Protein backbone atom coordinates (compact mmCIF):
# COMPACT_ATOMS: atom_id res chain seq x y z
CA UNK A 1 -106.37 -4.58 -45.87
CA UNK A 2 -103.97 -4.64 -48.78
CA UNK A 3 -103.34 -0.91 -48.39
CA UNK A 4 -102.51 -1.34 -44.69
CA UNK A 5 -100.00 -4.11 -45.48
CA UNK A 6 -98.29 -1.96 -48.10
CA UNK A 7 -98.01 0.89 -45.58
CA UNK A 8 -96.37 -1.34 -42.97
CA UNK A 9 -93.89 -2.65 -45.52
CA UNK A 10 -93.06 0.89 -46.61
CA UNK A 11 -92.48 2.02 -43.01
CA UNK A 12 -90.25 -1.00 -42.27
CA UNK A 13 -88.30 -0.39 -45.45
CA UNK A 14 -87.84 3.23 -44.46
CA UNK A 15 -86.53 2.26 -41.02
CA UNK A 16 -84.12 -0.24 -42.57
CA UNK A 17 -82.96 2.34 -45.05
CA UNK A 18 -82.13 4.83 -42.26
CA UNK A 19 -80.23 2.40 -39.89
CA UNK A 20 -76.42 1.96 -39.60
CA UNK A 21 -74.00 -0.24 -37.67
CA UNK A 22 -70.79 1.39 -36.42
CA UNK A 23 -67.78 -0.50 -34.97
CA UNK A 24 -66.17 1.34 -32.08
CA UNK A 25 -62.61 0.57 -30.91
CA UNK A 26 -61.82 1.93 -27.45
CA UNK A 27 -58.38 2.10 -25.83
CA UNK A 28 -57.40 1.12 -23.32
CA UNK A 29 -59.24 -2.13 -23.97
CA UNK A 30 -60.46 -2.35 -20.37
CA UNK A 31 -62.41 0.90 -20.73
CA UNK A 32 -66.16 0.82 -20.05
CA UNK A 33 -68.63 2.37 -22.53
CA UNK A 34 -71.81 3.80 -21.01
CA UNK A 35 -74.94 4.71 -22.96
CA UNK A 36 -77.31 7.45 -21.85
CA UNK A 37 -78.77 6.88 -18.40
CA UNK A 38 -75.70 4.83 -17.42
CA UNK A 39 -76.41 1.63 -19.30
CA UNK A 40 -73.21 -0.34 -19.75
CA UNK A 41 -72.61 -1.72 -23.24
CA UNK A 42 -71.35 -5.23 -23.72
CA UNK A 43 -68.29 -5.38 -25.99
CA UNK A 44 -68.06 -7.77 -28.90
CA UNK A 45 -64.49 -8.44 -27.74
CA UNK A 46 -62.23 -6.51 -25.34
CA UNK A 47 -62.24 -2.89 -26.48
CA UNK A 48 -64.53 -3.53 -29.50
CA UNK A 49 -68.17 -2.42 -29.59
CA UNK A 50 -70.82 -2.75 -32.29
CA UNK A 51 -73.48 -0.03 -32.18
CA UNK A 52 -76.52 0.21 -34.50
CA UNK A 53 -78.06 3.65 -34.86
CA UNK A 54 -80.94 5.16 -36.83
CA UNK A 55 -82.13 8.66 -37.33
CA UNK A 56 -81.78 9.37 -33.61
CA UNK A 57 -78.33 10.41 -32.22
CA UNK A 58 -76.95 8.01 -29.65
CA UNK A 59 -74.69 9.50 -26.96
CA UNK A 60 -72.02 7.46 -25.15
CA UNK A 61 -69.23 7.95 -22.59
CA UNK A 62 -66.05 5.88 -22.42
CA UNK A 63 -64.20 5.78 -19.13
CA UNK A 64 -61.36 3.87 -17.49
CA UNK A 65 -59.49 4.17 -14.23
CA UNK A 66 -56.51 6.49 -14.66
CA UNK A 67 -57.90 8.16 -17.80
CA UNK A 68 -60.05 11.17 -18.59
CA UNK A 69 -63.56 10.23 -19.66
CA UNK A 70 -64.57 11.00 -23.24
CA UNK A 71 -68.08 11.40 -24.65
CA UNK A 72 -68.98 10.66 -28.25
CA UNK A 73 -72.09 10.45 -30.45
CA UNK A 74 -73.02 7.77 -32.99
CA UNK A 75 -75.47 8.67 -35.75
CA UNK A 76 -76.10 8.07 -39.43
CA UNK A 77 -73.30 10.47 -40.30
CA UNK A 78 -70.72 8.52 -38.29
CA UNK A 79 -68.11 6.50 -40.20
CA UNK A 80 -68.43 2.74 -40.16
CA UNK A 81 -65.48 2.49 -37.78
CA UNK A 82 -64.54 4.84 -34.98
CA UNK A 83 -61.56 4.85 -32.61
CA UNK A 84 -61.77 6.37 -29.16
CA UNK A 85 -58.43 6.88 -27.38
CA UNK A 86 -58.73 7.94 -23.78
CA UNK A 87 -56.09 10.29 -22.44
CA UNK A 88 -54.39 9.25 -19.21
CA UNK A 89 -54.72 11.45 -16.14
CA UNK A 90 -52.36 9.32 -14.04
CA UNK A 91 -49.14 7.58 -14.97
CA UNK A 92 -47.06 4.88 -13.35
CA UNK A 93 -43.39 5.74 -12.83
CA UNK A 94 -40.69 3.09 -12.46
CA UNK A 95 -37.27 4.37 -11.34
CA UNK A 96 -34.05 2.37 -11.17
CA UNK A 97 -30.56 3.59 -10.33
CA UNK A 98 -26.92 2.68 -10.65
CA UNK A 99 -25.73 1.91 -8.08
CA UNK A 100 -28.86 0.16 -6.92
CA UNK A 101 -27.99 1.01 -3.30
CA UNK A 102 -28.92 4.68 -3.78
CA UNK A 103 -31.58 6.10 -1.45
CA UNK A 104 -34.46 7.50 -3.51
CA UNK A 105 -36.46 10.47 -2.23
CA UNK A 106 -39.70 11.56 -3.93
CA UNK A 107 -40.95 15.00 -2.89
CA UNK A 108 -38.76 14.76 0.20
CA UNK A 109 -40.00 11.35 1.29
CA UNK A 110 -37.65 8.36 1.36
CA UNK A 111 -39.13 5.72 -0.95
CA UNK A 112 -36.39 3.14 -0.55
CA UNK A 113 -33.80 1.79 -2.95
CA UNK A 114 -33.92 0.74 -6.59
CA UNK A 115 -36.37 -0.12 -8.03
CA UNK A 116 -39.01 2.35 -6.81
CA UNK A 117 -42.53 2.69 -8.27
CA UNK A 118 -44.97 5.56 -7.77
CA UNK A 119 -47.72 7.42 -9.65
CA UNK A 120 -47.86 10.94 -11.00
CA UNK A 121 -51.16 12.70 -11.74
CA UNK A 122 -52.00 14.95 -14.66
CA UNK A 123 -50.62 18.44 -14.03
CA UNK A 124 -48.24 17.21 -11.33
CA UNK A 125 -44.44 17.10 -11.09
CA UNK A 126 -42.28 15.08 -8.74
CA UNK A 127 -38.94 16.15 -7.28
CA UNK A 128 -36.47 13.27 -7.21
CA UNK A 129 -33.31 13.17 -5.08
CA UNK A 130 -30.83 10.29 -5.20
CA UNK A 131 -28.18 9.83 -2.52
CA UNK A 132 -25.48 7.13 -2.47
CA UNK A 133 -22.19 6.86 -0.63
CA UNK A 134 -19.34 7.56 -3.05
CA UNK A 135 -21.54 9.31 -5.64
CA UNK A 136 -22.61 12.88 -6.34
CA UNK A 137 -26.05 13.83 -5.09
CA UNK A 138 -28.51 13.70 -7.99
CA UNK A 139 -31.67 15.79 -8.39
CA UNK A 140 -34.33 15.65 -11.10
CA UNK A 141 -37.88 16.94 -11.63
CA UNK A 142 -40.25 14.51 -13.34
CA UNK A 143 -43.32 15.96 -15.09
CA UNK A 144 -46.47 14.19 -16.17
CA UNK A 145 -45.86 15.06 -19.82
CA UNK A 146 -42.17 14.04 -19.95
CA UNK A 147 -43.04 10.70 -21.57
CA UNK A 148 -46.07 9.82 -23.68
CA UNK A 149 -46.41 6.27 -22.41
CA UNK A 150 -48.62 5.70 -19.39
CA UNK A 151 -45.76 3.65 -17.96
CA UNK A 152 -42.88 6.08 -17.48
CA UNK A 153 -39.50 4.46 -16.94
CA UNK A 154 -36.21 6.01 -15.75
CA UNK A 155 -32.83 4.35 -15.31
CA UNK A 156 -30.46 6.89 -13.74
CA UNK A 157 -26.67 6.49 -13.82
CA UNK A 158 -25.20 8.40 -10.88
CA UNK A 159 -21.79 10.08 -11.06
CA UNK A 160 -19.08 8.60 -8.86
CA UNK A 161 -17.12 11.03 -6.69
CA UNK A 162 -14.62 8.60 -5.19
CA UNK A 163 -13.12 5.29 -6.12
CA UNK A 164 -11.50 2.43 -4.23
CA UNK A 165 -7.93 1.92 -5.40
CA UNK A 166 -5.88 -1.21 -4.71
CA UNK A 167 -2.08 -1.01 -4.80
CA UNK A 168 0.19 -4.06 -4.93
CA UNK A 169 3.99 -4.31 -4.67
CA UNK A 170 5.91 -7.56 -4.79
CA UNK A 171 8.19 -6.69 -1.88
CA UNK A 172 7.91 -7.82 1.74
CA UNK A 173 6.91 -5.59 4.62
CA UNK A 174 6.24 -2.34 2.79
CA UNK A 175 4.81 0.75 4.45
CA UNK A 176 2.05 2.69 2.68
CA UNK A 177 1.20 6.33 3.38
CA UNK A 178 -1.72 8.27 1.91
CA UNK A 179 -1.56 12.03 2.39
CA UNK A 180 1.00 11.45 5.13
CA UNK A 181 -1.12 8.94 7.05
CA UNK A 182 0.21 5.41 7.52
CA UNK A 183 -2.49 3.07 6.20
CA UNK A 184 -0.54 -0.17 5.91
CA UNK A 185 2.61 -1.61 7.48
CA UNK A 186 4.28 -4.95 6.92
CA UNK A 187 2.09 -5.62 3.89
CA UNK A 188 2.47 -5.80 0.15
CA UNK A 189 -0.99 -4.48 -0.72
CA UNK A 190 -3.43 -1.84 0.51
CA UNK A 191 -6.76 -0.38 -0.58
CA UNK A 192 -7.66 3.27 -0.16
CA UNK A 193 -9.93 5.87 -1.74
CA UNK A 194 -9.23 8.52 -4.39
CA UNK A 195 -11.61 11.48 -4.54
CA UNK A 196 -12.97 13.33 -7.57
CA UNK A 197 -12.44 16.79 -6.09
CA UNK A 198 -8.85 16.29 -4.87
CA UNK A 199 -5.84 14.07 -5.63
CA UNK A 200 -4.10 12.05 -2.94
CA UNK A 201 -0.40 11.44 -2.43
CA UNK A 202 0.79 7.85 -2.12
CA UNK A 203 4.17 7.06 -0.55
CA UNK A 204 5.60 3.53 -0.42
CA UNK A 205 8.61 2.68 1.71
CA UNK A 206 10.22 -0.74 1.59
CA UNK A 207 13.56 -1.96 2.81
CA UNK A 208 16.09 -1.98 0.00
CA UNK A 209 14.11 0.37 -2.25
CA UNK A 210 13.99 4.10 -2.76
CA UNK A 211 10.97 5.87 -1.36
CA UNK A 212 8.22 5.85 -3.99
CA UNK A 213 6.00 8.93 -4.28
CA UNK A 214 3.03 9.29 -6.60
CA UNK A 215 0.00 11.55 -6.82
CA UNK A 216 -3.14 9.54 -7.56
CA UNK A 217 -5.96 11.25 -9.48
CA UNK A 218 -9.58 10.21 -9.76
CA UNK A 219 -9.48 10.96 -13.49
CA UNK A 220 -7.07 8.07 -14.08
CA UNK A 221 -10.10 5.79 -13.82
CA UNK A 222 -7.99 2.85 -12.64
CA UNK A 223 -8.95 0.75 -9.65
CA UNK A 224 -5.91 -1.51 -9.36
CA UNK A 225 -2.18 -0.83 -9.66
CA UNK A 226 0.77 -3.23 -9.55
CA UNK A 227 3.68 -0.91 -8.78
CA UNK A 228 6.37 -3.55 -8.36
CA UNK A 229 8.20 -2.47 -11.52
CA UNK A 230 7.99 1.18 -10.46
CA UNK A 231 10.02 0.65 -7.28
CA UNK A 232 13.72 1.44 -7.64
CA UNK A 233 16.40 -0.49 -5.75
CA UNK A 234 18.22 1.67 -3.20
CA UNK A 235 21.89 1.74 -4.29
CA UNK A 236 22.99 2.73 -0.79
CA UNK A 237 21.16 -0.27 0.62
CA UNK A 238 22.76 -2.57 -1.94
CA UNK A 239 26.21 -1.13 -1.11
CA UNK A 240 25.79 -1.62 2.64
CA UNK A 241 25.10 -4.25 5.25
CA UNK A 242 23.21 -4.25 8.54
CA UNK A 243 25.50 -2.63 11.05
CA UNK A 244 23.49 -2.05 14.19
CA UNK A 245 25.97 -4.18 16.16
CA UNK A 246 29.05 -2.17 15.13
CA UNK A 247 27.94 1.23 13.89
CA UNK A 248 28.06 4.18 16.28
CA UNK A 249 29.17 2.07 19.25
CA UNK A 250 32.41 2.26 21.19
CA UNK A 251 34.49 -0.89 21.50
CA UNK A 252 37.46 -1.49 23.75
CA UNK A 253 40.57 -3.16 22.33
CA UNK A 254 43.30 -4.54 24.58
CA UNK A 255 46.69 -4.52 22.82
CA UNK A 256 48.76 -7.67 22.89
CA UNK A 257 51.47 -7.48 25.54
CA UNK A 258 54.90 -6.61 24.26
CA UNK A 259 53.56 -4.38 21.49
CA UNK A 260 54.66 -0.77 21.84
CA UNK A 261 52.57 2.34 21.44
CA UNK A 262 54.60 3.37 18.40
CA UNK A 263 53.99 -0.01 16.81
CA UNK A 264 50.26 0.26 17.46
CA UNK A 265 50.17 3.76 16.02
CA UNK A 266 52.03 2.76 12.91
CA UNK A 267 49.85 -0.31 12.31
CA UNK A 268 46.49 1.43 12.82
CA UNK A 269 47.40 4.52 10.79
CA UNK A 270 48.60 2.41 7.92
CA UNK A 271 45.46 0.32 7.91
CA UNK A 272 42.96 3.14 8.10
CA UNK A 273 44.84 5.10 5.43
CA UNK A 274 43.74 2.43 2.96
CA UNK A 275 40.16 3.61 3.42
CA UNK A 276 40.45 7.19 4.66
CA UNK A 277 42.67 9.81 3.06
CA UNK A 278 42.73 12.39 5.84
CA UNK A 279 43.16 12.38 9.59
CA UNK A 280 41.11 15.11 11.17
CA UNK A 281 42.71 14.51 14.60
CA UNK A 282 46.24 13.17 14.77
CA UNK A 283 47.57 13.37 18.35
CA UNK A 284 50.42 10.95 18.95
CA UNK A 285 50.93 12.12 22.53
CA UNK A 286 47.46 11.34 23.73
CA UNK A 287 46.98 8.53 21.28
CA UNK A 288 43.88 10.04 19.70
CA UNK A 289 43.21 9.63 15.99
CA UNK A 290 40.07 10.45 14.04
CA UNK A 291 39.62 10.46 10.30
CA UNK A 292 37.72 13.07 8.34
CA UNK A 293 34.31 12.04 7.06
CA UNK A 294 34.20 9.98 3.89
CA UNK A 295 31.00 11.13 2.14
CA UNK A 296 29.35 9.08 -0.61
CA UNK A 297 26.43 10.38 -2.64
CA UNK A 298 23.49 8.22 -3.69
CA UNK A 299 20.31 9.07 -5.55
CA UNK A 300 18.25 10.02 -2.53
CA UNK A 301 20.81 10.29 0.28
CA UNK A 302 24.30 11.07 1.49
CA UNK A 303 26.15 8.48 3.59
CA UNK A 304 29.21 9.47 5.60
CA UNK A 305 31.63 7.28 7.55
CA UNK A 306 34.60 7.84 9.83
CA UNK A 307 36.59 6.00 12.51
CA UNK A 308 37.95 7.24 15.80
CA UNK A 309 40.66 5.51 17.87
CA UNK A 310 41.51 6.83 21.31
CA UNK A 311 43.96 5.52 23.89
CA UNK A 312 42.56 4.67 27.31
CA UNK A 313 44.69 6.13 30.11
CA UNK A 314 46.83 3.60 31.98
CA UNK A 315 45.19 2.50 35.21
CA UNK A 316 48.43 1.16 36.61
CA UNK A 317 48.37 -2.31 35.13
CA UNK A 318 50.70 -1.32 32.28
CA UNK A 319 48.22 -2.67 29.71
CA UNK A 320 47.88 -0.63 26.50
CA UNK A 321 44.19 -0.23 25.64
CA UNK A 322 42.17 1.72 23.06
CA UNK A 323 38.56 2.61 22.35
CA UNK A 324 37.35 2.47 18.76
CA UNK A 325 34.25 4.08 17.26
CA UNK A 326 32.98 3.51 13.72
CA UNK A 327 30.46 6.20 12.85
CA UNK A 328 27.96 5.65 10.03
CA UNK A 329 25.47 8.44 9.33
CA UNK A 330 22.91 9.26 6.67
CA UNK A 331 21.20 12.41 5.40
CA UNK A 332 18.19 12.17 3.08
CA UNK A 333 18.12 14.75 0.33
CA UNK A 334 14.42 15.36 0.76
CA UNK A 335 14.95 16.26 4.43
CA UNK A 336 17.43 19.09 4.09
CA UNK A 337 15.61 20.32 0.97
CA UNK A 338 18.51 22.18 -0.61
CA UNK A 339 18.70 21.24 -4.26
CA UNK A 340 22.22 20.25 -5.21
CA UNK A 341 23.69 21.40 -1.88
CA UNK A 342 25.65 19.21 0.48
CA UNK A 343 23.96 18.59 3.81
CA UNK A 344 25.08 20.25 7.01
CA UNK A 345 26.17 18.34 10.09
CA UNK A 346 22.77 18.77 11.68
CA UNK A 347 21.16 17.12 8.64
CA UNK A 348 22.83 13.81 9.41
CA UNK A 349 21.68 11.16 11.85
CA UNK A 350 23.07 7.76 12.83
CA UNK A 351 22.46 4.96 10.36
CA UNK A 352 22.06 1.36 11.42
CA UNK A 353 23.83 0.17 8.28
CA UNK A 354 27.49 0.31 7.28
CA UNK A 355 28.85 0.54 3.75
CA UNK A 356 30.32 -2.83 2.87
CA UNK A 357 33.88 -1.62 2.48
CA UNK A 358 33.93 -0.55 6.16
CA UNK A 359 32.21 -3.59 7.64
CA UNK A 360 35.46 -5.46 8.54
CA UNK A 361 37.35 -2.37 9.66
CA UNK A 362 36.92 -2.87 13.40
CA UNK A 363 37.52 -6.60 13.35
CA UNK A 364 40.64 -6.18 11.23
CA UNK A 365 42.10 -3.58 13.58
CA UNK A 366 41.35 -5.85 16.52
CA UNK A 367 43.19 -8.66 14.79
CA UNK A 368 46.16 -6.35 14.27
CA UNK A 369 46.37 -5.26 17.89
CA UNK A 370 45.07 -8.03 20.08
């Protein structure tokens, strides 16, 4: 009996001597560890397992959704701690864009607008296309191995290809032209678009100011302009007055009775000689007088003025009468496009303003004769 007891003790001691406890750490922590024949091990804590082995090898498999399974063996030769890291076979992709209004296509299918989430499997690639109004089309291929993390994240900054530009001028009733097209009238501000692939021409016209011309480029990277200080006062405008009621219109003057034709001629010629040096037509018989053009040059235009006085034939009443015409015409330098050259007659057209020094000419002559 004593011999049997000693044998049992020796066997138990031998078993104890050849047993080992191994701590297994598995990631991800929600992975399941299966023993042979599919028995599921209970973890000590999430992702931590304690396995006791003896002289017999113990085989296990760790598996988790979205990861490749991995098999491992625990035996007496195993270290006291083991770490099992499962390799992902599927990754989550989160994609955001700027602007966030971009349409996002994945493998040709519209997924919506930022943010968009989808998965990519091991060995796969995804073709991404981003489309947004005012931005260059963006394409990118995303591969499974581009990022190590199982959660792949992309924040894509798209390239703008046009920009809204606001222009302000502190003048009333301006006209704005972009590439020759009128986009605003009677305003002091407009908004339009400048494109990356081509500049646009801005023209501003405002009463009392020279025409403003500027080429706007996308590369300026400015979205708002106050161009008030850039506008230049029109010297011709400042030197003139509205003259639509007297310019380029014929007026009849009835001479005061008792005043002779010679007296009228002398008075009118003397008066107009103060402003005009030369008479182009000087016909005392018919009573027809016309001055040569007085031409004045301004920065962007030529202004010419002349006066014509012509006797009206007697209709039998014995009353001496005349017709007067004050002509005011303008030619813009940009129109006749001859650098430094004086404009031709056909380059001029009637102007509804009169230079200030001629404004009282008609009324003064009337006062002399009537």
